[in-house]
All heavy atoms as atom14 arrays in JSON, in Angstrom:
{
  "sequence": "VACLGQFMVLLDNTIVGAALPDMQRRLHTQLTGLQWIVDAYVLLVAML",
  "atom14_mask": [
    [1, 1, 1, 1, 1, 1, 1, 0, 0, 0, 0, 0, 0, 0],
    [1, 1, 1, 1, 1, 0, 0, 0, 0, 0, 0, 0, 0, 0],
    [1, 1, 1, 1, 1, 1, 0, 0, 0, 0, 0, 0, 0, 0],
    [1, 1, 1, 1, 1, 1, 1, 1, 0, 0, 0, 0, 0, 0],
    [1, 1, 1, 1, 0, 0, 0, 0, 0, 0, 0, 0, 0, 0],
    [1, 1, 1, 1, 1, 1, 1, 1, 1, 0, 0, 0, 0, 0],
    [1, 1, 1, 1, 1, 1, 1, 1, 1, 1, 1, 0, 0, 0],
    [1, 1, 1, 1, 1, 1, 1, 1, 0, 0, 0, 0, 0, 0],
    [1, 1, 1, 1, 1, 1, 1, 0, 0, 0, 0, 0, 0, 0],
    [1, 1, 1, 1, 1, 1, 1, 1, 0, 0, 0, 0, 0, 0],
    [1, 1, 1, 1, 1, 1, 1, 1, 0, 0, 0, 0, 0, 0],
    [1, 1, 1, 1, 1, 1, 1, 1, 0, 0, 0, 0, 0, 0],
    [1, 1, 1, 1, 1, 1, 1, 1, 0, 0, 0, 0, 0, 0],
    [1, 1, 1, 1, 1, 1, 1, 0, 0, 0, 0, 0, 0, 0],
    [1, 1, 1, 1, 1, 1, 1, 1, 0, 0, 0, 0, 0, 0],
    [1, 1, 1, 1, 1, 1, 1, 0, 0, 0, 0, 0, 0, 0],
    [1, 1, 1, 1, 0, 0, 0, 0, 0, 0, 0, 0, 0, 0],
    [1, 1, 1, 1, 1, 0, 0, 0, 0, 0, 0, 0, 0, 0],
    [1, 1, 1, 1, 1, 0, 0, 0, 0, 0, 0, 0, 0, 0],
    [1, 1, 1, 1, 1, 1, 1, 1, 0, 0, 0, 0, 0, 0],
    [1, 1, 1, 1, 1, 1, 1, 0, 0, 0, 0, 0, 0, 0],
    [1, 1, 1, 1, 1, 1, 1, 1, 0, 0, 0, 0, 0, 0],
    [1, 1, 1, 1, 1, 1, 1, 1, 0, 0, 0, 0, 0, 0],
    [1, 1, 1, 1, 1, 1, 1, 1, 1, 0, 0, 0, 0, 0],
    [1, 1, 1, 1, 1, 1, 1, 1, 1, 1, 1, 0, 0, 0],
    [1, 1, 1, 1, 1, 1, 1, 1, 1, 1, 1, 0, 0, 0],
    [1, 1, 1, 1, 1, 1, 1, 1, 0, 0, 0, 0, 0, 0],
    [1, 1, 1, 1, 1, 1, 1, 1, 1, 1, 0, 0, 0, 0],
    [1, 1, 1, 1, 1, 1, 1, 0, 0, 0, 0, 0, 0, 0],
    [1, 1, 1, 1, 1, 1, 1, 1, 1, 0, 0, 0, 0, 0],
    [1, 1, 1, 1, 1, 1, 1, 1, 0, 0, 0, 0, 0, 0],
    [1, 1, 1, 1, 1, 1, 1, 0, 0, 0, 0, 0, 0, 0],
    [1, 1, 1, 1, 0, 0, 0, 0, 0, 0, 0, 0, 0, 0],
    [1, 1, 1, 1, 1, 1, 1, 1, 0, 0, 0, 0, 0, 0],
    [1, 1, 1, 1, 1, 1, 1, 1, 1, 0, 0, 0, 0, 0],
    [1, 1, 1, 1, 1, 1, 1, 1, 1, 1, 1, 1, 1, 1],
    [1, 1, 1, 1, 1, 1, 1, 1, 0, 0, 0, 0, 0, 0],
    [1, 1, 1, 1, 1, 1, 1, 0, 0, 0, 0, 0, 0, 0],
    [1, 1, 1, 1, 1, 1, 1, 1, 0, 0, 0, 0, 0, 0],
    [1, 1, 1, 1, 1, 0, 0, 0, 0, 0, 0, 0, 0, 0],
    [1, 1, 1, 1, 1, 1, 1, 1, 1, 1, 1, 1, 0, 0],
    [1, 1, 1, 1, 1, 1, 1, 0, 0, 0, 0, 0, 0, 0],
    [1, 1, 1, 1, 1, 1, 1, 1, 0, 0, 0, 0, 0, 0],
    [1, 1, 1, 1, 1, 1, 1, 1, 0, 0, 0, 0, 0, 0],
    [1, 1, 1, 1, 1, 1, 1, 0, 0, 0, 0, 0, 0, 0],
    [1, 1, 1, 1, 1, 0, 0, 0, 0, 0, 0, 0, 0, 0],
    [1, 1, 1, 1, 1, 1, 1, 1, 0, 0, 0, 0, 0, 0],
    [1, 1, 1, 1, 1, 1, 1, 1, 0, 0, 0, 0, 0, 0]
  ],
  "atom14_positions": [
    [[-22.64, -49.52, 37.59], [-22.91, -49.2, 36.19], [-22.64, -47.72, 35.9], [-22.01, -47.37, 34.9], [-24.37, -49.56, 35.85], [-24.78, -48.99, 34.49], [-24.56, -51.07, 35.85], [0.0, 0.0, 0.0], [0.0, 0.0, 0.0], [0.0, 0.0, 0.0], [0.0, 0.0, 0.0], [0.0, 0.0, 0.0], [0.0, 0.0, 0.0], [0.0, 0.0, 0.0]],
    [[-23.11, -46.84, 36.78], [-22.9, -45.4, 36.58], [-21.42, -45.05, 36.6], [-20.94, -44.27, 35.76], [-23.66, -44.61, 37.65], [0.0, 0.0, 0.0], [0.0, 0.0, 0.0], [0.0, 0.0, 0.0], [0.0, 0.0, 0.0], [0.0, 0.0, 0.0], [0.0, 0.0, 0.0], [0.0, 0.0, 0.0], [0.0, 0.0, 0.0], [0.0, 0.0, 0.0]],
    [[-20.68, -45.63, 37.54], [-19.25, -45.34, 37.65], [-18.48, -45.87, 36.45], [-17.57, -45.21, 35.93], [-18.68, -45.94, 38.94], [-19.22, -45.11, 40.45], [0.0, 0.0, 0.0], [0.0, 0.0, 0.0], [0.0, 0.0, 0.0], [0.0, 0.0, 0.0], [0.0, 0.0, 0.0], [0.0, 0.0, 0.0], [0.0, 0.0, 0.0], [0.0, 0.0, 0.0]],
    [[-18.84, -47.07, 35.99], [-18.14, -47.65, 34.84], [-18.41, -46.85, 33.57], [-17.52, -46.67, 32.73], [-18.57, -49.11, 34.66], [-17.77, -49.94, 33.65], [-16.29, -49.96, 34.02], [-18.31, -51.37, 33.59], [0.0, 0.0, 0.0], [0.0, 0.0, 0.0], [0.0, 0.0, 0.0], [0.0, 0.0, 0.0], [0.0, 0.0, 0.0], [0.0, 0.0, 0.0]],
    [[-19.65, -46.36, 33.43], [-19.96, -45.52, 32.28], [-19.15, -44.24, 32.29], [-18.59, -43.84, 31.26], [0.0, 0.0, 0.0], [0.0, 0.0, 0.0], [0.0, 0.0, 0.0], [0.0, 0.0, 0.0], [0.0, 0.0, 0.0], [0.0, 0.0, 0.0], [0.0, 0.0, 0.0], [0.0, 0.0, 0.0], [0.0, 0.0, 0.0], [0.0, 0.0, 0.0]],
    [[-19.05, -43.59, 33.44], [-18.27, -42.37, 33.54], [-16.78, -42.65, 33.34], [-16.07, -41.85, 32.72], [-18.52, -41.7, 34.9], [-17.81, -40.39, 35.1], [-18.35, -39.27, 34.22], [-19.3, -39.47, 33.46], [-17.76, -38.1, 34.32], [0.0, 0.0, 0.0], [0.0, 0.0, 0.0], [0.0, 0.0, 0.0], [0.0, 0.0, 0.0], [0.0, 0.0, 0.0]],
    [[-16.32, -43.79, 33.84], [-14.92, -44.19, 33.64], [-14.61, -44.28, 32.14], [-13.57, -43.81, 31.68], [-14.67, -45.53, 34.32], [-13.36, -46.17, 33.97], [-12.2, -45.81, 34.64], [-13.28, -47.12, 32.95], [-10.97, -46.4, 34.3], [-12.07, -47.7, 32.62], [-10.92, -47.35, 33.29], [0.0, 0.0, 0.0], [0.0, 0.0, 0.0], [0.0, 0.0, 0.0]],
    [[-15.52, -44.89, 31.37], [-15.31, -45.06, 29.94], [-15.19, -43.7, 29.24], [-14.33, -43.51, 28.37], [-16.45, -45.88, 29.35], [-16.33, -46.18, 27.88], [-17.57, -47.37, 27.28], [-19.09, -46.41, 27.54], [0.0, 0.0, 0.0], [0.0, 0.0, 0.0], [0.0, 0.0, 0.0], [0.0, 0.0, 0.0], [0.0, 0.0, 0.0], [0.0, 0.0, 0.0]],
    [[-16.06, -42.76, 29.63], [-16.02, -41.43, 29.01], [-14.73, -40.7, 29.35], [-14.08, -40.11, 28.47], [-17.24, -40.6, 29.47], [-17.09, -39.15, 29.03], [-18.52, -41.19, 28.9], [0.0, 0.0, 0.0], [0.0, 0.0, 0.0], [0.0, 0.0, 0.0], [0.0, 0.0, 0.0], [0.0, 0.0, 0.0], [0.0, 0.0, 0.0], [0.0, 0.0, 0.0]],
    [[-14.32, -40.74, 30.61], [-13.1, -40.02, 31.02], [-11.85, -40.69, 30.49], [-10.86, -40.0, 30.18], [-13.05, -39.91, 32.54], [-13.7, -38.65, 33.15], [-12.95, -37.39, 32.72], [-15.16, -38.53, 32.76], [0.0, 0.0, 0.0], [0.0, 0.0, 0.0], [0.0, 0.0, 0.0], [0.0, 0.0, 0.0], [0.0, 0.0, 0.0], [0.0, 0.0, 0.0]],
    [[-11.86, -42.02, 30.38], [-10.72, -42.72, 29.78], [-10.5, -42.22, 28.35], [-9.36, -42.01, 27.92], [-10.98, -44.23, 29.78], [-9.9, -45.11, 29.15], [-8.67, -45.15, 30.04], [-10.42, -46.54, 28.92], [0.0, 0.0, 0.0], [0.0, 0.0, 0.0], [0.0, 0.0, 0.0], [0.0, 0.0, 0.0], [0.0, 0.0, 0.0], [0.0, 0.0, 0.0]],
    [[-11.59, -42.0, 27.63], [-11.49, -41.55, 26.24], [-10.86, -40.16, 26.16], [-10.21, -39.84, 25.15], [-12.9, -41.52, 25.62], [-12.85, -41.33, 24.11], [-12.61, -42.31, 23.41], [-13.04, -40.18, 23.66], [0.0, 0.0, 0.0], [0.0, 0.0, 0.0], [0.0, 0.0, 0.0], [0.0, 0.0, 0.0], [0.0, 0.0, 0.0], [0.0, 0.0, 0.0]],
    [[-11.04, -39.34, 27.19], [-10.49, -37.98, 27.16], [-8.97, -37.97, 27.05], [-8.38, -37.13, 26.37], [-10.91, -37.21, 28.42], [-12.32, -36.67, 28.32], [-12.99, -36.86, 27.31], [-12.78, -36.02, 29.36], [0.0, 0.0, 0.0], [0.0, 0.0, 0.0], [0.0, 0.0, 0.0], [0.0, 0.0, 0.0], [0.0, 0.0, 0.0], [0.0, 0.0, 0.0]],
    [[-8.3, -38.91, 27.76], [-6.84, -38.88, 27.8], [-6.2, -39.94, 26.92], [-5.05, -39.79, 26.51], [-6.33, -39.05, 29.24], [-6.95, -40.22, 29.83], [-6.67, -37.84, 30.09], [0.0, 0.0, 0.0], [0.0, 0.0, 0.0], [0.0, 0.0, 0.0], [0.0, 0.0, 0.0], [0.0, 0.0, 0.0], [0.0, 0.0, 0.0], [0.0, 0.0, 0.0]],
    [[-6.92, -41.01, 26.62], [-6.32, -42.08, 25.81], [-6.11, -41.63, 24.38], [-5.17, -42.06, 23.7], [-7.21, -43.36, 25.89], [-6.4, -44.59, 25.51], [-8.44, -43.23, 25.0], [-7.14, -45.9, 25.75], [0.0, 0.0, 0.0], [0.0, 0.0, 0.0], [0.0, 0.0, 0.0], [0.0, 0.0, 0.0], [0.0, 0.0, 0.0], [0.0, 0.0, 0.0]],
    [[-6.97, -40.74, 23.89], [-6.83, -40.25, 22.51], [-5.56, -39.41, 22.37], [-4.88, -39.47, 21.35], [-8.07, -39.45, 22.09], [-7.86, -38.75, 20.75], [-9.28, -40.38, 21.99], [0.0, 0.0, 0.0], [0.0, 0.0, 0.0], [0.0, 0.0, 0.0], [0.0, 0.0, 0.0], [0.0, 0.0, 0.0], [0.0, 0.0, 0.0], [0.0, 0.0, 0.0]],
    [[-5.24, -38.63, 23.4], [-4.03, -37.82, 23.34], [-2.78, -38.66, 23.13], [-1.86, -38.26, 22.4], [0.0, 0.0, 0.0], [0.0, 0.0, 0.0], [0.0, 0.0, 0.0], [0.0, 0.0, 0.0], [0.0, 0.0, 0.0], [0.0, 0.0, 0.0], [0.0, 0.0, 0.0], [0.0, 0.0, 0.0], [0.0, 0.0, 0.0], [0.0, 0.0, 0.0]],
    [[-2.75, -39.85, 23.75], [-1.6, -40.73, 23.59], [-1.49, -41.27, 22.17], [-0.4, -41.63, 21.72], [-1.71, -41.9, 24.58], [0.0, 0.0, 0.0], [0.0, 0.0, 0.0], [0.0, 0.0, 0.0], [0.0, 0.0, 0.0], [0.0, 0.0, 0.0], [0.0, 0.0, 0.0], [0.0, 0.0, 0.0], [0.0, 0.0, 0.0], [0.0, 0.0, 0.0]],
    [[-2.62, -41.33, 21.46], [-2.64, -41.93, 20.12], [-2.35, -40.94, 19.01], [-2.17, -41.34, 17.85], [-4.0, -42.58, 19.88], [0.0, 0.0, 0.0], [0.0, 0.0, 0.0], [0.0, 0.0, 0.0], [0.0, 0.0, 0.0], [0.0, 0.0, 0.0], [0.0, 0.0, 0.0], [0.0, 0.0, 0.0], [0.0, 0.0, 0.0], [0.0, 0.0, 0.0]],
    [[-2.31, -39.64, 19.3], [-2.19, -38.64, 18.24], [-0.95, -38.82, 17.35], [-1.06, -38.71, 16.12], [-2.22, -37.24, 18.85], [-3.57, -36.82, 19.46], [-3.45, -35.46, 20.14], [-4.68, -36.8, 18.4], [0.0, 0.0, 0.0], [0.0, 0.0, 0.0], [0.0, 0.0, 0.0], [0.0, 0.0, 0.0], [0.0, 0.0, 0.0], [0.0, 0.0, 0.0]],
    [[0.24, -39.09, 17.92], [1.39, -39.27, 17.02], [1.2, -40.46, 16.07], [1.57, -40.38, 14.89], [2.55, -39.52, 18.0], [2.12, -38.84, 19.27], [0.65, -39.07, 19.34], [0.0, 0.0, 0.0], [0.0, 0.0, 0.0], [0.0, 0.0, 0.0], [0.0, 0.0, 0.0], [0.0, 0.0, 0.0], [0.0, 0.0, 0.0], [0.0, 0.0, 0.0]],
    [[0.62, -41.58, 16.55], [0.4, -42.74, 15.68], [-0.66, -42.43, 14.63], [-0.54, -42.85, 13.46], [-0.03, -43.94, 16.53], [0.02, -45.25, 15.75], [1.08, -45.55, 15.16], [-1.0, -45.96, 15.73], [0.0, 0.0, 0.0], [0.0, 0.0, 0.0], [0.0, 0.0, 0.0], [0.0, 0.0, 0.0], [0.0, 0.0, 0.0], [0.0, 0.0, 0.0]],
    [[-1.71, -41.71, 15.02], [-2.73, -41.31, 14.05], [-2.12, -40.42, 12.96], [-2.46, -40.57, 11.77], [-3.85, -40.53, 14.76], [-4.73, -41.37, 15.65], [-5.92, -40.31, 16.53], [-6.9, -41.56, 17.4], [0.0, 0.0, 0.0], [0.0, 0.0, 0.0], [0.0, 0.0, 0.0], [0.0, 0.0, 0.0], [0.0, 0.0, 0.0], [0.0, 0.0, 0.0]],
    [[-1.26, -39.52, 13.34], [-0.67, -38.61, 12.37], [0.12, -39.38, 11.32], [0.04, -39.07, 10.12], [0.25, -37.61, 13.08], [0.82, -36.54, 12.17], [1.52, -35.44, 12.94], [2.02, -35.66, 14.05], [1.59, -34.25, 12.37], [0.0, 0.0, 0.0], [0.0, 0.0, 0.0], [0.0, 0.0, 0.0], [0.0, 0.0, 0.0], [0.0, 0.0, 0.0]],
    [[0.85, -40.41, 11.75], [1.66, -41.18, 10.81], [0.81, -42.11, 9.95], [0.95, -42.15, 8.73], [2.72, -42.0, 11.57], [3.88, -41.17, 12.08], [5.05, -42.05, 12.44], [4.72, -42.88, 13.59], [4.97, -42.55, 14.85], [5.53, -41.38, 15.11], [4.67, -43.36, 15.83], [0.0, 0.0, 0.0], [0.0, 0.0, 0.0], [0.0, 0.0, 0.0]],
    [[-0.1, -42.85, 10.58], [-0.85, -43.88, 9.84], [-1.97, -43.3, 8.98], [-2.33, -43.89, 7.97], [-1.42, -44.9, 10.83], [-0.36, -45.66, 11.6], [-0.95, -46.89, 12.26], [0.02, -47.56, 13.09], [-0.02, -48.85, 13.4], [-1.01, -49.59, 12.93], [0.89, -49.4, 14.18], [0.0, 0.0, 0.0], [0.0, 0.0, 0.0], [0.0, 0.0, 0.0]],
    [[-2.53, -42.18, 9.4], [-3.6, -41.57, 8.61], [-3.08, -40.46, 7.7], [-3.86, -39.83, 6.98], [-4.67, -40.99, 9.55], [-5.45, -42.03, 10.36], [-6.38, -41.34, 11.36], [-6.25, -42.96, 9.45], [0.0, 0.0, 0.0], [0.0, 0.0, 0.0], [0.0, 0.0, 0.0], [0.0, 0.0, 0.0], [0.0, 0.0, 0.0], [0.0, 0.0, 0.0]],
    [[-1.78, -40.2, 7.76], [-1.13, -39.21, 6.89], [-1.84, -37.85, 7.0], [-2.22, -37.23, 6.0], [-1.14, -39.69, 5.43], [-0.6, -41.07, 5.25], [0.74, -41.37, 5.43], [-1.22, -42.24, 4.93], [0.93, -42.66, 5.21], [-0.25, -43.22, 4.93], [0.0, 0.0, 0.0], [0.0, 0.0, 0.0], [0.0, 0.0, 0.0], [0.0, 0.0, 0.0]],
    [[-1.98, -37.4, 8.23], [-2.64, -36.12, 8.46], [-1.67, -35.14, 9.08], [-0.6, -35.52, 9.6], [-3.88, -36.3, 9.36], [-4.59, -35.07, 9.44], [-3.48, -36.72, 10.77], [0.0, 0.0, 0.0], [0.0, 0.0, 0.0], [0.0, 0.0, 0.0], [0.0, 0.0, 0.0], [0.0, 0.0, 0.0], [0.0, 0.0, 0.0], [0.0, 0.0, 0.0]],
    [[-2.06, -33.88, 9.07], [-1.24, -32.83, 9.66], [-1.86, -32.4, 11.0], [-2.83, -32.99, 11.47], [-1.15, -31.64, 8.7], [-0.54, -31.98, 7.35], [0.87, -32.53, 7.46], [1.69, -32.02, 8.23], [1.15, -33.59, 6.7], [0.0, 0.0, 0.0], [0.0, 0.0, 0.0], [0.0, 0.0, 0.0], [0.0, 0.0, 0.0], [0.0, 0.0, 0.0]],
    [[-1.31, -31.34, 11.58], [-1.77, -30.87, 12.88], [-3.25, -30.51, 12.84], [-4.0, -30.76, 13.8], [-0.94, -29.67, 13.32], [-1.28, -29.06, 14.69], [-1.07, -30.08, 15.8], [-0.43, -27.81, 14.94], [0.0, 0.0, 0.0], [0.0, 0.0, 0.0], [0.0, 0.0, 0.0], [0.0, 0.0, 0.0], [0.0, 0.0, 0.0], [0.0, 0.0, 0.0]],
    [[-3.71, -29.93, 11.73], [-5.12, -29.55, 11.61], [-6.03, -30.76, 11.78], [-7.06, -30.7, 12.48], [-5.39, -28.89, 10.25], [-4.61, -27.7, 10.14], [-6.86, -28.54, 10.09], [0.0, 0.0, 0.0], [0.0, 0.0, 0.0], [0.0, 0.0, 0.0], [0.0, 0.0, 0.0], [0.0, 0.0, 0.0], [0.0, 0.0, 0.0], [0.0, 0.0, 0.0]],
    [[-5.69, -31.88, 11.16], [-6.49, -33.09, 11.3], [-6.53, -33.59, 12.72], [-7.59, -34.02, 13.22], [0.0, 0.0, 0.0], [0.0, 0.0, 0.0], [0.0, 0.0, 0.0], [0.0, 0.0, 0.0], [0.0, 0.0, 0.0], [0.0, 0.0, 0.0], [0.0, 0.0, 0.0], [0.0, 0.0, 0.0], [0.0, 0.0, 0.0], [0.0, 0.0, 0.0]],
    [[-5.39, -33.55, 13.41], [-5.35, -33.98, 14.81], [-6.23, -33.08, 15.68], [-6.92, -33.57, 16.59], [-3.91, -33.96, 15.32], [-2.91, -34.88, 14.63], [-1.54, -34.77, 15.28], [-3.39, -36.32, 14.63], [0.0, 0.0, 0.0], [0.0, 0.0, 0.0], [0.0, 0.0, 0.0], [0.0, 0.0, 0.0], [0.0, 0.0, 0.0], [0.0, 0.0, 0.0]],
    [[-6.22, -31.78, 15.4], [-7.07, -30.87, 16.17], [-8.54, -31.22, 16.01], [-9.31, -31.21, 16.98], [-6.82, -29.43, 15.73], [-5.48, -28.87, 16.19], [-5.27, -27.46, 15.64], [-4.9, -27.29, 14.49], [-5.53, -26.47, 16.47], [0.0, 0.0, 0.0], [0.0, 0.0, 0.0], [0.0, 0.0, 0.0], [0.0, 0.0, 0.0], [0.0, 0.0, 0.0]],
    [[-8.95, -31.54, 14.79], [-10.36, -31.89, 14.56], [-10.72, -33.21, 15.24], [-11.84, -33.38, 15.71], [-10.66, -31.95, 13.07], [-10.95, -30.62, 12.46], [-10.27, -30.02, 11.45], [-12.0, -29.72, 12.82], [-10.82, -28.79, 11.16], [-11.89, -28.59, 11.98], [-13.01, -29.75, 13.77], [-12.77, -27.51, 12.06], [-13.89, -28.67, 13.86], [-13.77, -27.58, 13.02]],
    [[-9.79, -34.15, 15.27], [-10.05, -35.44, 15.93], [-10.4, -35.22, 17.39], [-11.29, -35.87, 17.96], [-8.85, -36.38, 15.79], [-8.71, -36.83, 14.33], [-8.98, -37.59, 16.7], [-7.42, -37.56, 14.02], [0.0, 0.0, 0.0], [0.0, 0.0, 0.0], [0.0, 0.0, 0.0], [0.0, 0.0, 0.0], [0.0, 0.0, 0.0], [0.0, 0.0, 0.0]],
    [[-9.71, -34.28, 18.04], [-9.98, -33.97, 19.45], [-11.19, -33.05, 19.59], [-12.11, -33.33, 20.36], [-8.74, -33.34, 20.1], [-9.05, -32.87, 21.52], [-7.59, -34.34, 20.13], [0.0, 0.0, 0.0], [0.0, 0.0, 0.0], [0.0, 0.0, 0.0], [0.0, 0.0, 0.0], [0.0, 0.0, 0.0], [0.0, 0.0, 0.0], [0.0, 0.0, 0.0]],
    [[-11.22, -31.97, 18.84], [-12.25, -30.94, 19.05], [-13.63, -31.36, 18.55], [-14.64, -30.88, 19.08], [-11.83, -29.63, 18.36], [-11.18, -28.67, 19.35], [-11.09, -29.02, 20.54], [-10.76, -27.57, 18.94], [0.0, 0.0, 0.0], [0.0, 0.0, 0.0], [0.0, 0.0, 0.0], [0.0, 0.0, 0.0], [0.0, 0.0, 0.0], [0.0, 0.0, 0.0]],
    [[-13.71, -32.25, 17.57], [-15.02, -32.71, 17.12], [-15.77, -33.37, 18.26], [-16.99, -33.22, 18.4], [-14.86, -33.68, 15.95], [0.0, 0.0, 0.0], [0.0, 0.0, 0.0], [0.0, 0.0, 0.0], [0.0, 0.0, 0.0], [0.0, 0.0, 0.0], [0.0, 0.0, 0.0], [0.0, 0.0, 0.0], [0.0, 0.0, 0.0], [0.0, 0.0, 0.0]],
    [[-15.05, -34.11, 19.09], [-15.64, -34.78, 20.25], [-15.95, -33.78, 21.36], [-17.07, -33.72, 21.87], [-14.66, -35.84, 20.75], [-15.05, -36.51, 22.04], [-15.95, -37.57, 22.06], [-14.49, -36.1, 23.25], [-16.29, -38.2, 23.25], [-14.83, -36.72, 24.44], [-15.72, -37.77, 24.43], [-16.06, -38.37, 25.61], [0.0, 0.0, 0.0], [0.0, 0.0, 0.0]],
    [[-14.95, -32.98, 21.72], [-15.11, -32.06, 22.85], [-16.2, -31.03, 22.57], [-16.96, -30.64, 23.46], [-13.77, -31.37, 23.19], [-13.93, -30.42, 24.37], [-12.7, -32.4, 23.49], [0.0, 0.0, 0.0], [0.0, 0.0, 0.0], [0.0, 0.0, 0.0], [0.0, 0.0, 0.0], [0.0, 0.0, 0.0], [0.0, 0.0, 0.0], [0.0, 0.0, 0.0]],
    [[-16.3, -30.57, 21.32], [-17.3, -29.57, 20.96], [-18.71, -30.09, 21.21], [-19.55, -29.39, 21.8], [-17.14, -29.18, 19.49], [-18.21, -28.26, 18.9], [-18.18, -26.9, 19.59], [-18.01, -28.09, 17.4], [0.0, 0.0, 0.0], [0.0, 0.0, 0.0], [0.0, 0.0, 0.0], [0.0, 0.0, 0.0], [0.0, 0.0, 0.0], [0.0, 0.0, 0.0]],
    [[-18.99, -31.31, 20.78], [-20.33, -31.87, 20.97], [-20.63, -32.11, 22.45], [-21.75, -31.86, 22.91], [-20.48, -33.17, 20.18], [-21.01, -33.05, 18.74], [-22.44, -32.53, 18.74], [-20.14, -32.14, 17.88], [0.0, 0.0, 0.0], [0.0, 0.0, 0.0], [0.0, 0.0, 0.0], [0.0, 0.0, 0.0], [0.0, 0.0, 0.0], [0.0, 0.0, 0.0]],
    [[-19.64, -32.57, 23.2], [-19.84, -32.75, 24.64], [-20.14, -31.41, 25.3], [-21.07, -31.28, 26.11], [-18.61, -33.41, 25.29], [-18.76, -33.45, 26.81], [-18.42, -34.83, 24.76], [0.0, 0.0, 0.0], [0.0, 0.0, 0.0], [0.0, 0.0, 0.0], [0.0, 0.0, 0.0], [0.0, 0.0, 0.0], [0.0, 0.0, 0.0], [0.0, 0.0, 0.0]],
    [[-19.36, -30.39, 24.96], [-19.53, -29.07, 25.58], [-20.91, -28.5, 25.32], [-21.58, -27.99, 26.23], [-18.46, -28.11, 25.05], [0.0, 0.0, 0.0], [0.0, 0.0, 0.0], [0.0, 0.0, 0.0], [0.0, 0.0, 0.0], [0.0, 0.0, 0.0], [0.0, 0.0, 0.0], [0.0, 0.0, 0.0], [0.0, 0.0, 0.0], [0.0, 0.0, 0.0]],
    [[-21.37, -28.59, 24.09], [-22.61, -27.93, 23.71], [-23.87, -28.73, 24.06], [-24.96, -28.17, 24.15], [-22.59, -27.65, 22.21], [-21.51, -26.69, 21.76], [-21.7, -25.01, 22.44], [-20.6, -25.08, 23.84], [0.0, 0.0, 0.0], [0.0, 0.0, 0.0], [0.0, 0.0, 0.0], [0.0, 0.0, 0.0], [0.0, 0.0, 0.0], [0.0, 0.0, 0.0]],
    [[-23.73, -30.04, 24.27], [-24.91, -30.87, 24.53], [-24.98, -31.36, 25.98], [-25.94, -32.03, 26.34], [-24.92, -32.09, 23.59], [-25.0, -31.79, 22.09], [-24.99, -33.1, 21.31], [-26.23, -30.98, 21.76], [0.0, 0.0, 0.0], [0.0, 0.0, 0.0], [0.0, 0.0, 0.0], [0.0, 0.0, 0.0], [0.0, 0.0, 0.0], [0.0, 0.0, 0.0]]
  ]
}
């Protein structure tokens, strides 16, 4: 259970990077929006 939970968290770290080009096209966002999609998550993890 502990390993699978950590696997899920770490999978999310790199799987989102692969999706950024598709997010940019389908959500009609610019580079700033993509940065927030990544940093909103990482910021909360870092600080908490």
